[in-house]
N, C-alpha and C. Protein backbone atom coordinates (compact mmCIF):
# COMPACT_ATOMS: atom_id res chain seq x y z
N MET A 1 0.11 8.83 -26.03
CA MET A 1 0.37 7.50 -26.38
C MET A 1 -0.89 6.67 -26.36
N GLN A 2 -1.30 6.22 -27.45
CA GLN A 2 -2.65 5.52 -27.57
C GLN A 2 -2.65 4.17 -26.92
N GLY A 3 -3.80 3.84 -26.22
CA GLY A 3 -3.90 2.41 -25.71
C GLY A 3 -4.05 1.34 -26.93
N GLU A 4 -3.69 0.20 -26.55
CA GLU A 4 -3.84 -0.86 -27.56
C GLU A 4 -5.22 -1.50 -27.51
N ARG A 5 -5.93 -1.32 -28.73
CA ARG A 5 -7.40 -1.57 -28.77
C ARG A 5 -7.79 -2.96 -28.44
N ASP A 6 -6.92 -3.98 -28.76
CA ASP A 6 -7.35 -5.32 -28.63
C ASP A 6 -7.51 -5.73 -27.11
N VAL A 7 -6.51 -5.27 -26.24
CA VAL A 7 -6.63 -5.60 -24.90
C VAL A 7 -7.76 -4.81 -24.20
N ALA A 8 -8.00 -3.55 -24.64
CA ALA A 8 -9.03 -2.84 -24.03
C ALA A 8 -10.34 -3.41 -24.31
N LEU A 9 -10.49 -3.93 -25.51
CA LEU A 9 -11.83 -4.76 -25.89
C LEU A 9 -11.99 -5.93 -24.93
N GLU A 10 -10.98 -6.57 -24.52
CA GLU A 10 -11.13 -7.76 -23.60
C GLU A 10 -11.87 -7.35 -22.43
N VAL A 11 -11.59 -6.05 -21.93
CA VAL A 11 -12.21 -5.60 -20.67
C VAL A 11 -13.76 -5.24 -21.04
N TRP A 12 -13.99 -4.46 -22.13
CA TRP A 12 -15.36 -4.33 -22.52
C TRP A 12 -16.18 -5.59 -22.70
N ARG A 13 -15.58 -6.50 -23.02
CA ARG A 13 -16.28 -7.91 -23.27
C ARG A 13 -16.51 -8.80 -22.06
N ASN A 14 -15.77 -8.35 -20.97
CA ASN A 14 -15.68 -9.16 -19.84
C ASN A 14 -17.00 -9.03 -18.94
N ASP A 15 -17.73 -10.07 -18.92
CA ASP A 15 -19.07 -10.01 -18.23
C ASP A 15 -18.96 -9.77 -16.69
N ALA A 16 -17.74 -9.82 -16.25
CA ALA A 16 -17.63 -9.55 -14.73
C ALA A 16 -17.53 -8.10 -14.52
N ILE A 17 -17.31 -7.25 -15.49
CA ILE A 17 -16.97 -5.84 -15.41
C ILE A 17 -17.91 -4.98 -16.13
N THR A 18 -18.37 -3.79 -15.49
CA THR A 18 -19.15 -2.94 -16.16
C THR A 18 -18.35 -1.66 -16.44
N VAL A 19 -18.16 -1.24 -17.82
CA VAL A 19 -17.35 -0.16 -18.13
C VAL A 19 -18.31 1.09 -18.40
N SER A 20 -18.02 2.19 -17.92
CA SER A 20 -18.82 3.54 -18.33
C SER A 20 -17.71 4.66 -18.49
N ASP A 21 -18.12 5.64 -19.24
CA ASP A 21 -17.27 6.84 -19.43
C ASP A 21 -18.00 8.03 -18.98
N THR A 22 -17.64 8.67 -17.93
CA THR A 22 -18.27 9.85 -17.35
C THR A 22 -17.95 11.07 -18.01
N GLY A 23 -17.07 11.20 -18.88
CA GLY A 23 -16.65 12.32 -19.45
C GLY A 23 -15.19 12.75 -18.82
N ASN A 24 -15.08 12.72 -17.70
CA ASN A 24 -13.76 13.07 -17.02
C ASN A 24 -13.09 11.85 -16.55
N ALA A 25 -13.63 10.69 -16.73
CA ALA A 25 -12.95 9.37 -16.19
C ALA A 25 -13.54 8.22 -16.90
N VAL A 26 -12.78 7.13 -16.87
CA VAL A 26 -13.31 5.83 -17.39
C VAL A 26 -13.49 4.99 -16.03
N VAL A 27 -14.78 4.47 -15.89
CA VAL A 27 -15.09 3.69 -14.60
C VAL A 27 -15.32 2.32 -14.88
N LEU A 28 -14.54 1.44 -14.14
CA LEU A 28 -14.64 0.01 -14.19
C LEU A 28 -15.27 -0.49 -12.91
N GLU A 29 -16.41 -1.06 -12.93
CA GLU A 29 -17.02 -1.63 -11.65
C GLU A 29 -17.35 -2.91 -11.80
N PRO A 30 -17.23 -3.72 -10.60
CA PRO A 30 -17.61 -5.10 -10.63
C PRO A 30 -19.17 -5.32 -11.05
N ALA A 31 -19.44 -6.27 -11.89
CA ALA A 31 -20.76 -6.58 -12.27
C ALA A 31 -21.62 -6.96 -11.02
N ASP A 32 -21.01 -7.70 -10.21
CA ASP A 32 -21.69 -8.13 -8.95
C ASP A 32 -21.32 -7.22 -7.84
N ASP A 33 -21.92 -7.46 -6.65
CA ASP A 33 -21.64 -6.62 -5.45
C ASP A 33 -20.15 -6.49 -5.27
N GLY A 34 -19.69 -5.19 -5.07
CA GLY A 34 -18.20 -5.00 -4.87
C GLY A 34 -17.82 -4.90 -3.41
N SER A 35 -16.79 -4.55 -3.13
CA SER A 35 -16.18 -4.43 -1.68
C SER A 35 -16.44 -3.22 -1.03
N GLY A 36 -16.92 -2.09 -1.67
CA GLY A 36 -17.15 -0.88 -1.12
C GLY A 36 -15.88 0.05 -1.18
N ILE A 37 -14.80 -0.51 -1.71
CA ILE A 37 -13.53 0.29 -1.86
C ILE A 37 -13.30 0.45 -3.29
N GLY A 38 -12.79 1.85 -3.56
CA GLY A 38 -12.49 2.05 -4.94
C GLY A 38 -11.06 2.54 -5.02
N LEU A 39 -10.48 2.61 -6.21
CA LEU A 39 -9.16 2.97 -6.60
C LEU A 39 -9.32 4.15 -7.64
N VAL A 40 -8.92 5.33 -7.42
CA VAL A 40 -8.84 6.43 -8.33
C VAL A 40 -7.37 6.36 -8.96
N TYR A 41 -7.39 6.20 -10.14
CA TYR A 41 -6.03 5.83 -10.83
C TYR A 41 -5.76 7.00 -11.82
N VAL A 42 -4.53 7.63 -11.65
CA VAL A 42 -4.24 8.76 -12.53
C VAL A 42 -3.13 8.28 -13.54
N PRO A 43 -3.49 8.45 -14.82
CA PRO A 43 -2.53 8.02 -15.85
C PRO A 43 -1.15 8.77 -15.94
N GLY A 44 -0.20 8.17 -16.46
CA GLY A 44 1.01 8.88 -16.67
C GLY A 44 0.91 9.87 -17.77
N ALA A 45 1.96 10.78 -17.90
CA ALA A 45 1.82 11.89 -18.84
C ALA A 45 1.66 11.46 -20.24
N LYS A 46 0.72 11.99 -20.90
CA LYS A 46 0.32 11.80 -22.25
C LYS A 46 0.06 10.42 -22.67
N VAL A 47 -0.45 9.61 -21.59
CA VAL A 47 -0.85 8.21 -21.82
C VAL A 47 -2.42 8.16 -21.92
N ASP A 48 -2.85 7.55 -22.90
CA ASP A 48 -4.38 7.31 -23.04
C ASP A 48 -4.86 6.56 -21.78
N PRO A 49 -5.88 7.07 -21.09
CA PRO A 49 -6.45 6.41 -20.01
C PRO A 49 -6.87 5.04 -20.27
N TYR A 50 -7.45 4.74 -21.38
CA TYR A 50 -7.85 3.33 -21.89
C TYR A 50 -6.73 2.38 -21.90
N ALA A 51 -5.59 2.87 -21.93
CA ALA A 51 -4.42 1.97 -22.03
C ALA A 51 -4.08 1.21 -20.64
N TYR A 52 -4.77 1.62 -19.59
CA TYR A 52 -4.66 1.03 -18.33
C TYR A 52 -5.82 0.10 -17.95
N MET A 53 -6.70 -0.10 -18.86
CA MET A 53 -8.00 -0.85 -18.55
C MET A 53 -7.49 -2.40 -18.29
N TYR A 54 -6.89 -2.91 -19.16
CA TYR A 54 -6.50 -4.45 -19.15
C TYR A 54 -5.75 -4.79 -17.82
N LYS A 55 -4.72 -3.98 -17.55
CA LYS A 55 -3.86 -4.36 -16.44
C LYS A 55 -4.56 -4.19 -15.11
N LEU A 56 -5.60 -3.27 -15.03
CA LEU A 56 -6.16 -3.02 -13.80
C LEU A 56 -7.49 -3.79 -13.65
N SER A 57 -7.88 -4.45 -14.79
CA SER A 57 -9.20 -5.15 -14.72
C SER A 57 -9.27 -6.31 -13.82
N ALA A 58 -8.21 -7.01 -13.48
CA ALA A 58 -8.31 -8.08 -12.42
C ALA A 58 -8.61 -7.51 -11.08
N ILE A 59 -8.16 -6.37 -10.84
CA ILE A 59 -8.42 -5.74 -9.55
C ILE A 59 -9.93 -5.46 -9.48
N VAL A 60 -10.59 -5.24 -10.61
CA VAL A 60 -12.04 -4.96 -10.51
C VAL A 60 -12.79 -6.38 -10.47
N GLU A 61 -12.19 -7.40 -11.02
CA GLU A 61 -12.77 -8.67 -10.99
C GLU A 61 -12.70 -9.13 -9.39
N ASP A 62 -11.78 -8.68 -8.60
CA ASP A 62 -11.72 -9.03 -7.21
C ASP A 62 -12.75 -8.14 -6.41
N GLY A 63 -13.51 -7.28 -7.01
CA GLY A 63 -14.54 -6.57 -6.34
C GLY A 63 -14.27 -5.09 -5.92
N TYR A 64 -13.19 -4.57 -6.52
CA TYR A 64 -12.89 -3.23 -6.41
C TYR A 64 -13.14 -2.28 -7.55
N THR A 65 -13.85 -1.15 -7.33
CA THR A 65 -14.08 -0.14 -8.38
C THR A 65 -12.83 0.53 -8.67
N VAL A 66 -12.62 0.82 -10.09
CA VAL A 66 -11.45 1.55 -10.61
C VAL A 66 -11.94 2.73 -11.30
N VAL A 67 -11.51 3.86 -11.05
CA VAL A 67 -11.84 5.08 -11.74
C VAL A 67 -10.55 5.58 -12.37
N ILE A 68 -10.34 5.44 -13.64
CA ILE A 68 -9.19 6.07 -14.39
C ILE A 68 -9.50 7.44 -14.75
N THR A 69 -8.78 8.45 -14.27
CA THR A 69 -9.04 9.76 -14.64
C THR A 69 -8.59 10.18 -16.05
N LYS A 70 -9.25 11.21 -16.57
CA LYS A 70 -8.69 11.78 -17.84
C LYS A 70 -8.17 13.13 -17.50
N PRO A 71 -6.80 13.21 -17.33
CA PRO A 71 -6.18 14.55 -16.81
C PRO A 71 -6.40 15.51 -17.87
N THR A 72 -6.47 16.73 -17.42
CA THR A 72 -6.40 17.97 -18.30
C THR A 72 -5.26 18.01 -19.12
N LEU A 73 -5.31 18.15 -20.45
CA LEU A 73 -4.19 18.16 -21.35
C LEU A 73 -3.35 16.86 -21.38
N ASN A 74 -4.05 15.83 -20.84
CA ASN A 74 -3.31 14.50 -20.67
C ASN A 74 -1.98 14.63 -19.81
N LEU A 75 -2.09 15.63 -18.88
CA LEU A 75 -0.90 15.82 -17.93
C LEU A 75 -1.46 15.85 -16.56
N ALA A 76 -1.15 14.93 -15.79
CA ALA A 76 -1.71 14.87 -14.34
C ALA A 76 -1.44 16.01 -13.51
N LEU A 77 -0.21 16.57 -13.60
CA LEU A 77 0.16 17.80 -12.77
C LEU A 77 -0.60 19.09 -13.19
N ALA A 78 -1.08 19.06 -14.42
CA ALA A 78 -1.92 20.24 -14.89
C ALA A 78 -3.28 20.15 -14.61
N ASP A 79 -3.73 19.13 -13.94
CA ASP A 79 -5.06 18.80 -13.57
C ASP A 79 -5.34 19.34 -12.20
N LEU A 80 -6.11 20.44 -12.01
CA LEU A 80 -6.31 21.09 -10.79
C LEU A 80 -7.74 20.60 -10.10
N ARG A 81 -8.32 19.68 -10.81
CA ARG A 81 -9.73 19.26 -10.26
C ARG A 81 -9.48 18.53 -8.82
N PRO A 82 -10.37 18.79 -8.02
CA PRO A 82 -10.29 17.96 -6.71
C PRO A 82 -10.71 16.59 -6.84
N LEU A 83 -10.27 15.69 -5.89
CA LEU A 83 -10.47 14.30 -5.98
C LEU A 83 -11.92 13.92 -6.15
N ASP A 84 -12.91 14.70 -5.40
CA ASP A 84 -14.22 14.35 -5.44
C ASP A 84 -14.93 14.56 -6.76
N ASP A 85 -14.19 15.27 -7.75
CA ASP A 85 -14.67 15.31 -9.15
C ASP A 85 -14.73 13.87 -9.82
N PHE A 86 -13.86 13.06 -9.26
CA PHE A 86 -13.80 11.70 -9.81
C PHE A 86 -14.46 10.73 -8.97
N THR A 87 -14.39 10.90 -7.52
CA THR A 87 -15.04 9.93 -6.80
C THR A 87 -16.66 10.07 -6.76
N GLY A 88 -17.00 11.31 -7.09
CA GLY A 88 -18.43 11.65 -7.01
C GLY A 88 -19.20 10.94 -8.15
N SER A 89 -18.58 10.29 -9.09
CA SER A 89 -19.20 9.65 -10.18
C SER A 89 -19.54 8.18 -9.65
N VAL A 90 -19.11 7.78 -8.51
CA VAL A 90 -19.40 6.45 -7.96
C VAL A 90 -19.90 6.57 -6.50
N PRO A 91 -21.11 7.12 -6.39
CA PRO A 91 -21.56 7.55 -5.01
C PRO A 91 -21.65 6.31 -4.01
N GLY A 92 -21.67 5.12 -4.53
CA GLY A 92 -21.78 4.05 -3.58
C GLY A 92 -20.54 3.60 -2.87
N ILE A 93 -19.37 4.29 -3.28
CA ILE A 93 -18.03 3.96 -2.65
C ILE A 93 -17.68 5.16 -1.71
N SER A 94 -17.35 4.88 -0.49
CA SER A 94 -16.99 5.80 0.47
C SER A 94 -15.48 5.80 0.93
N ARG A 95 -14.99 4.70 0.59
CA ARG A 95 -13.48 4.42 0.93
C ARG A 95 -12.63 4.36 -0.37
N TRP A 96 -11.61 5.21 -0.42
CA TRP A 96 -10.86 5.30 -1.68
C TRP A 96 -9.43 5.12 -1.49
N VAL A 97 -8.74 4.39 -2.41
CA VAL A 97 -7.22 4.37 -2.63
C VAL A 97 -7.10 5.26 -3.72
N VAL A 98 -6.06 6.18 -3.72
CA VAL A 98 -5.62 6.80 -4.82
C VAL A 98 -4.29 6.33 -5.28
N GLY A 99 -4.03 6.39 -6.57
CA GLY A 99 -2.95 5.76 -7.11
C GLY A 99 -2.63 6.30 -8.52
N GLY A 100 -1.63 5.85 -9.12
CA GLY A 100 -1.24 6.17 -10.52
C GLY A 100 0.06 5.80 -11.00
N HIS A 101 0.24 6.01 -12.27
CA HIS A 101 1.44 5.61 -12.99
C HIS A 101 2.41 6.80 -13.33
N SER A 102 3.62 6.66 -13.00
CA SER A 102 4.57 7.75 -13.38
C SER A 102 4.09 9.16 -12.81
N LEU A 103 4.01 10.13 -13.61
CA LEU A 103 3.65 11.48 -13.00
C LEU A 103 2.20 11.39 -12.48
N GLY A 104 1.44 10.46 -12.85
CA GLY A 104 0.10 10.19 -12.34
C GLY A 104 0.24 9.85 -10.88
N GLY A 105 1.21 9.07 -10.50
CA GLY A 105 1.51 8.67 -9.09
C GLY A 105 1.95 10.00 -8.35
N VAL A 106 2.64 10.83 -8.95
CA VAL A 106 3.07 12.08 -8.23
C VAL A 106 1.78 12.83 -7.87
N LYS A 107 0.85 12.91 -8.80
CA LYS A 107 -0.41 13.62 -8.56
C LYS A 107 -1.14 12.93 -7.41
N ALA A 108 -1.21 11.49 -7.45
CA ALA A 108 -1.98 10.91 -6.53
C ALA A 108 -1.48 11.08 -5.12
N CYS A 109 -0.09 11.27 -4.94
CA CYS A 109 0.52 11.69 -3.71
C CYS A 109 -0.09 12.94 -3.04
N GLN A 110 -0.45 13.89 -3.97
CA GLN A 110 -1.11 15.11 -3.52
C GLN A 110 -2.49 15.06 -3.02
N TYR A 111 -3.15 13.91 -3.50
CA TYR A 111 -4.57 13.53 -3.05
C TYR A 111 -4.52 12.72 -1.80
N ALA A 112 -3.44 12.29 -1.37
CA ALA A 112 -3.39 11.09 -0.34
C ALA A 112 -3.93 11.52 1.02
N ASN A 113 -3.82 12.89 1.30
CA ASN A 113 -4.34 13.41 2.62
C ASN A 113 -5.87 13.71 2.68
N GLU A 114 -6.61 13.39 1.63
CA GLU A 114 -7.96 13.65 1.60
C GLU A 114 -8.75 12.71 2.68
N ASN A 115 -9.83 13.12 3.23
CA ASN A 115 -10.43 12.43 4.33
C ASN A 115 -10.94 11.06 3.82
N SER A 116 -11.36 10.90 2.68
CA SER A 116 -11.91 9.70 2.10
C SER A 116 -10.80 8.57 1.73
N VAL A 117 -9.49 9.06 1.68
CA VAL A 117 -8.41 8.17 1.22
C VAL A 117 -7.98 7.24 2.28
N VAL A 118 -8.00 5.99 2.01
CA VAL A 118 -7.54 5.01 2.96
C VAL A 118 -6.17 4.35 2.56
N GLY A 119 -5.59 4.82 1.38
CA GLY A 119 -4.38 4.30 0.97
C GLY A 119 -3.86 4.87 -0.34
N LEU A 120 -2.55 4.71 -0.58
CA LEU A 120 -2.01 5.22 -1.80
C LEU A 120 -1.18 4.08 -2.47
N ALA A 121 -1.41 3.90 -3.83
CA ALA A 121 -0.84 2.85 -4.59
C ALA A 121 0.00 3.39 -5.74
N LEU A 122 1.28 3.26 -5.75
CA LEU A 122 2.17 3.87 -6.76
C LEU A 122 2.60 2.73 -7.78
N PHE A 123 2.37 3.13 -9.11
CA PHE A 123 2.69 2.19 -10.11
C PHE A 123 3.79 2.71 -10.96
N GLY A 124 5.04 2.44 -10.65
CA GLY A 124 6.18 2.98 -11.32
C GLY A 124 6.36 4.40 -11.13
N SER A 125 6.24 4.80 -9.83
CA SER A 125 6.15 6.17 -9.48
C SER A 125 6.78 6.43 -8.11
N TYR A 126 6.74 7.69 -7.68
CA TYR A 126 7.27 8.07 -6.36
C TYR A 126 6.57 9.41 -6.00
N CYS A 127 6.75 9.76 -4.77
CA CYS A 127 6.19 11.12 -4.28
C CYS A 127 7.13 12.29 -4.37
N ALA A 128 6.69 13.33 -4.73
CA ALA A 128 7.34 14.66 -4.48
C ALA A 128 6.99 15.29 -3.18
N THR A 129 5.70 14.91 -2.66
CA THR A 129 5.20 15.25 -1.48
C THR A 129 5.71 14.39 -0.35
N ASP A 130 6.08 14.87 0.80
CA ASP A 130 6.49 14.24 1.92
C ASP A 130 5.34 13.60 2.76
N LEU A 131 5.22 12.31 2.54
CA LEU A 131 4.20 11.59 3.33
C LEU A 131 4.67 10.70 4.34
N SER A 132 6.05 10.89 4.71
CA SER A 132 6.66 9.98 5.62
C SER A 132 5.99 9.80 6.98
N ALA A 133 5.41 10.96 7.45
CA ALA A 133 4.80 10.95 8.77
C ALA A 133 3.23 11.00 8.72
N SER A 134 2.74 10.76 7.50
CA SER A 134 1.31 10.87 7.35
C SER A 134 0.39 9.73 7.84
N GLY A 135 1.08 8.59 8.00
CA GLY A 135 0.36 7.39 8.40
C GLY A 135 -0.49 6.79 7.39
N VAL A 136 -0.39 7.30 6.13
CA VAL A 136 -1.11 6.71 5.01
C VAL A 136 -0.54 5.35 4.52
N PRO A 137 -1.27 4.32 4.49
CA PRO A 137 -0.72 3.03 3.99
C PRO A 137 -0.37 3.24 2.43
N VAL A 138 0.77 2.67 2.12
CA VAL A 138 1.36 2.85 0.73
C VAL A 138 1.72 1.50 0.17
N LEU A 139 1.33 1.29 -1.05
CA LEU A 139 1.78 0.21 -1.94
C LEU A 139 2.54 0.63 -3.06
N SER A 140 3.80 0.18 -3.25
CA SER A 140 4.50 0.63 -4.37
C SER A 140 4.98 -0.54 -5.25
N PHE A 141 4.53 -0.39 -6.60
CA PHE A 141 4.84 -1.49 -7.57
C PHE A 141 6.17 -0.79 -8.31
N GLU A 142 7.18 -1.49 -8.38
CA GLU A 142 8.36 -1.10 -8.89
C GLU A 142 8.94 -2.07 -9.98
N ALA A 143 9.10 -1.58 -11.20
CA ALA A 143 9.54 -2.47 -12.34
C ALA A 143 11.13 -2.52 -12.42
N ALA A 144 11.63 -3.69 -12.51
CA ALA A 144 13.06 -4.03 -12.35
C ALA A 144 13.78 -3.28 -13.68
N ASN A 145 13.09 -3.33 -14.81
CA ASN A 145 13.71 -2.75 -15.99
C ASN A 145 13.27 -1.38 -16.38
N ASP A 146 12.66 -0.74 -15.42
CA ASP A 146 12.10 0.65 -15.73
C ASP A 146 13.23 1.57 -15.99
N GLY A 147 13.13 2.24 -17.22
CA GLY A 147 14.05 3.15 -17.72
C GLY A 147 13.77 4.62 -17.32
N LEU A 148 12.57 4.87 -16.89
CA LEU A 148 12.19 6.19 -16.47
C LEU A 148 12.06 6.46 -15.11
N SER A 149 11.05 5.81 -14.35
CA SER A 149 11.01 5.63 -12.90
C SER A 149 11.90 4.54 -12.44
N THR A 150 13.18 4.74 -12.53
CA THR A 150 14.10 3.64 -12.54
C THR A 150 14.21 3.20 -10.95
N PRO A 151 14.63 2.00 -10.67
CA PRO A 151 14.70 1.55 -9.34
C PRO A 151 15.47 2.48 -8.41
N GLN A 152 16.59 3.04 -8.98
CA GLN A 152 17.38 3.94 -8.23
C GLN A 152 16.48 5.22 -7.90
N LYS A 153 15.95 5.88 -8.82
CA LYS A 153 15.04 7.04 -8.51
C LYS A 153 13.93 6.67 -7.42
N ILE A 154 13.41 5.57 -7.46
CA ILE A 154 12.34 5.30 -6.49
C ILE A 154 13.01 5.03 -5.19
N ALA A 155 14.18 4.46 -5.06
CA ALA A 155 14.85 4.32 -3.87
C ALA A 155 15.41 5.67 -3.42
N ASP A 156 15.81 6.51 -4.24
CA ASP A 156 16.21 7.89 -3.71
C ASP A 156 15.15 8.61 -3.08
N ALA A 157 13.86 8.46 -3.57
CA ALA A 157 12.66 9.11 -3.03
C ALA A 157 11.97 8.27 -1.93
N ALA A 158 12.58 7.36 -1.52
CA ALA A 158 11.77 6.40 -0.51
C ALA A 158 11.60 7.09 0.80
N SER A 159 12.32 8.12 1.12
CA SER A 159 12.27 8.78 2.38
C SER A 159 11.04 9.56 2.61
N SER A 160 10.44 9.84 1.45
CA SER A 160 9.14 10.63 1.38
C SER A 160 7.80 9.75 1.77
N LEU A 161 8.25 8.39 1.76
CA LEU A 161 7.06 7.47 2.11
C LEU A 161 7.20 6.95 3.44
N PRO A 162 6.12 6.50 4.09
CA PRO A 162 6.27 5.81 5.41
C PRO A 162 7.09 4.48 5.41
N GLU A 163 7.71 4.26 6.56
CA GLU A 163 8.49 3.06 6.71
C GLU A 163 7.80 1.83 6.45
N SER A 164 6.46 1.89 6.71
CA SER A 164 5.51 0.73 6.46
C SER A 164 5.11 0.32 4.97
N THR A 165 5.70 1.18 4.07
CA THR A 165 5.38 1.05 2.60
C THR A 165 5.57 -0.41 2.13
N VAL A 166 4.64 -1.00 1.42
CA VAL A 166 4.79 -2.36 0.84
C VAL A 166 5.21 -2.26 -0.53
N ARG A 167 6.40 -2.87 -0.76
CA ARG A 167 7.08 -2.79 -2.14
C ARG A 167 6.88 -4.07 -2.77
N VAL A 168 6.44 -4.03 -4.01
CA VAL A 168 6.31 -5.19 -4.90
C VAL A 168 7.27 -4.92 -6.18
N ARG A 169 8.28 -5.76 -6.33
CA ARG A 169 9.20 -5.70 -7.51
C ARG A 169 8.65 -6.58 -8.65
N LEU A 170 8.54 -6.00 -9.89
CA LEU A 170 7.94 -6.70 -10.92
C LEU A 170 9.24 -7.16 -11.90
N ALA A 171 9.60 -8.42 -11.66
CA ALA A 171 10.78 -8.84 -12.49
C ALA A 171 10.62 -8.70 -13.98
N GLY A 172 11.57 -8.15 -14.58
CA GLY A 172 11.55 -8.08 -16.09
C GLY A 172 10.70 -7.01 -16.62
N ALA A 173 10.02 -6.30 -15.73
CA ALA A 173 9.00 -5.28 -16.40
C ALA A 173 9.76 -4.01 -16.54
N ASN A 174 9.28 -3.22 -17.50
CA ASN A 174 9.75 -1.87 -17.78
C ASN A 174 8.59 -0.82 -17.52
N HIS A 175 8.70 0.43 -17.82
CA HIS A 175 7.87 1.51 -17.50
C HIS A 175 6.56 1.33 -18.24
N ALA A 176 6.77 0.93 -19.52
CA ALA A 176 5.46 0.82 -20.34
C ALA A 176 4.59 -0.38 -19.99
N ASP A 177 5.18 -1.20 -19.25
CA ASP A 177 4.32 -2.47 -18.81
C ASP A 177 3.32 -2.24 -17.85
N PHE A 178 3.28 -1.05 -17.27
CA PHE A 178 2.22 -0.70 -16.27
C PHE A 178 1.00 -0.46 -17.07
N GLY A 179 1.01 -0.16 -18.40
CA GLY A 179 -0.16 -0.04 -19.26
C GLY A 179 -0.06 -0.81 -20.43
N ASP A 180 -0.78 -0.58 -21.51
CA ASP A 180 -0.77 -1.19 -22.72
C ASP A 180 -0.75 -0.13 -23.92
N TYR A 181 0.41 0.48 -24.18
CA TYR A 181 0.40 1.57 -25.06
C TYR A 181 1.71 1.46 -26.03
N GLY A 182 2.38 0.40 -26.02
CA GLY A 182 3.46 0.30 -26.95
C GLY A 182 4.84 0.74 -26.20
N VAL A 183 5.84 0.93 -27.08
CA VAL A 183 7.20 1.31 -26.55
C VAL A 183 7.24 2.81 -26.26
N GLN A 184 7.92 3.06 -25.11
CA GLN A 184 7.97 4.47 -24.61
C GLN A 184 9.54 4.75 -24.67
N PRO A 185 9.87 6.02 -25.43
CA PRO A 185 11.20 6.44 -25.59
C PRO A 185 11.96 6.49 -24.22
N GLY A 186 13.15 5.96 -24.12
CA GLY A 186 14.02 6.08 -22.90
C GLY A 186 13.74 4.95 -21.97
N ASP A 187 12.82 4.06 -22.26
CA ASP A 187 12.50 3.00 -21.31
C ASP A 187 13.55 1.81 -21.46
N GLY A 188 13.42 0.92 -20.43
CA GLY A 188 14.32 -0.29 -20.53
C GLY A 188 13.57 -1.32 -21.37
N GLU A 189 14.25 -2.46 -21.52
CA GLU A 189 13.67 -3.52 -22.25
C GLU A 189 12.81 -4.41 -21.35
N SER A 190 11.61 -4.76 -21.86
CA SER A 190 10.71 -5.56 -21.17
C SER A 190 10.94 -7.08 -21.42
N ARG A 191 11.01 -7.84 -20.35
CA ARG A 191 11.03 -9.35 -20.36
C ARG A 191 9.77 -9.89 -19.75
N ALA A 192 8.80 -9.08 -19.42
CA ALA A 192 7.73 -9.53 -18.69
C ALA A 192 6.47 -9.94 -19.41
N ASP A 193 5.61 -10.78 -18.96
CA ASP A 193 4.39 -11.19 -19.51
C ASP A 193 3.26 -10.29 -19.07
N ASP A 194 2.53 -9.75 -20.03
CA ASP A 194 1.37 -8.86 -19.56
C ASP A 194 0.33 -9.59 -18.58
N ALA A 195 0.04 -10.75 -18.94
CA ALA A 195 -0.96 -11.38 -18.05
C ALA A 195 -0.33 -11.73 -16.62
N ASP A 196 0.88 -11.81 -16.58
CA ASP A 196 1.53 -12.08 -15.20
C ASP A 196 1.49 -10.81 -14.57
N ILE A 197 1.81 -9.61 -15.18
CA ILE A 197 1.73 -8.36 -14.45
C ILE A 197 0.30 -8.02 -14.01
N ARG A 198 -0.60 -8.26 -14.84
CA ARG A 198 -1.99 -8.03 -14.46
C ARG A 198 -2.39 -8.88 -13.22
N ARG A 199 -1.94 -10.11 -13.24
CA ARG A 199 -2.19 -11.00 -12.04
C ARG A 199 -1.54 -10.45 -10.76
N GLN A 200 -0.19 -10.13 -10.91
CA GLN A 200 0.52 -9.49 -9.77
C GLN A 200 -0.18 -8.25 -9.19
N PHE A 201 -0.62 -7.32 -10.08
CA PHE A 201 -1.34 -6.24 -9.62
C PHE A 201 -2.58 -6.57 -8.73
N ALA A 202 -3.34 -7.53 -9.26
CA ALA A 202 -4.52 -7.96 -8.53
C ALA A 202 -4.22 -8.60 -7.14
N GLU A 203 -3.35 -9.56 -7.18
CA GLU A 203 -3.00 -10.24 -5.96
C GLU A 203 -2.32 -9.37 -4.85
N SER A 204 -1.43 -8.57 -5.35
CA SER A 204 -0.75 -7.70 -4.34
C SER A 204 -1.72 -6.68 -3.86
N PHE A 205 -2.60 -6.12 -4.74
CA PHE A 205 -3.49 -5.04 -4.28
C PHE A 205 -4.48 -5.58 -3.33
N ARG A 206 -5.07 -6.86 -3.54
CA ARG A 206 -6.08 -7.48 -2.72
C ARG A 206 -5.39 -7.67 -1.39
N ALA A 207 -4.22 -8.30 -1.28
CA ALA A 207 -3.59 -8.51 -0.06
C ALA A 207 -3.22 -7.35 0.85
N TRP A 208 -2.79 -6.30 0.11
CA TRP A 208 -2.50 -5.04 0.83
C TRP A 208 -3.83 -4.43 1.41
N VAL A 209 -4.87 -4.37 0.60
CA VAL A 209 -6.05 -3.75 1.08
C VAL A 209 -6.61 -4.45 2.31
N VAL A 210 -6.47 -5.89 2.18
CA VAL A 210 -7.01 -6.64 3.51
C VAL A 210 -6.13 -6.27 4.66
N SER A 211 -4.84 -6.11 4.45
CA SER A 211 -3.95 -5.89 5.53
C SER A 211 -4.19 -4.46 6.21
N ILE A 212 -4.58 -3.47 5.31
CA ILE A 212 -4.73 -2.16 5.96
C ILE A 212 -6.06 -2.02 6.54
N GLU A 213 -7.02 -2.99 6.19
CA GLU A 213 -8.36 -2.97 6.85
C GLU A 213 -8.45 -3.73 8.18
N ASN A 214 -7.41 -4.55 8.44
CA ASN A 214 -7.39 -5.33 9.63
C ASN A 214 -6.53 -4.54 10.84
């Protein structure tokens, strides 16, 4: 599922963000000094990594580096590369949040116990790995009209996450709203505004990171 070119170009043209392609990932870095914290973001199955640039770009504007992986065969669970294959491309960052969309979030859960990981951020996703006693801080974005990672599926898997998990419900949003790649078969109807979702990602991520650092 190809990313929408026009919104990706907005990120390339954003003077506050530096974009680079390492071959195995797309790296978005703040043009000015950043926070020292990065997010490794794993795309959903068969979704173009560039489709996530716009929605995540406000997080970068807030000073956080984002590394969007390019999974093997475009399938996160088929990607056997270790986390440091992606974090190693940004040597100035020592503290990492891992996250991802849909099956990419399932893969991120597998990375969550790495020594450099300070948190897990799920975007329309849930864990197949039991992290309930891990102590890893978790942020979960859940779309109200998601027809794939439905609110019920996320609720059914909630026991795999710590009780301290912070949940953010995106009113009117569907599964495809986590990126910009058009309509996805089996999804619910979107009534959400893309710019508003982008803003919610940034505001919630920033507040959550500040809370786990204090």
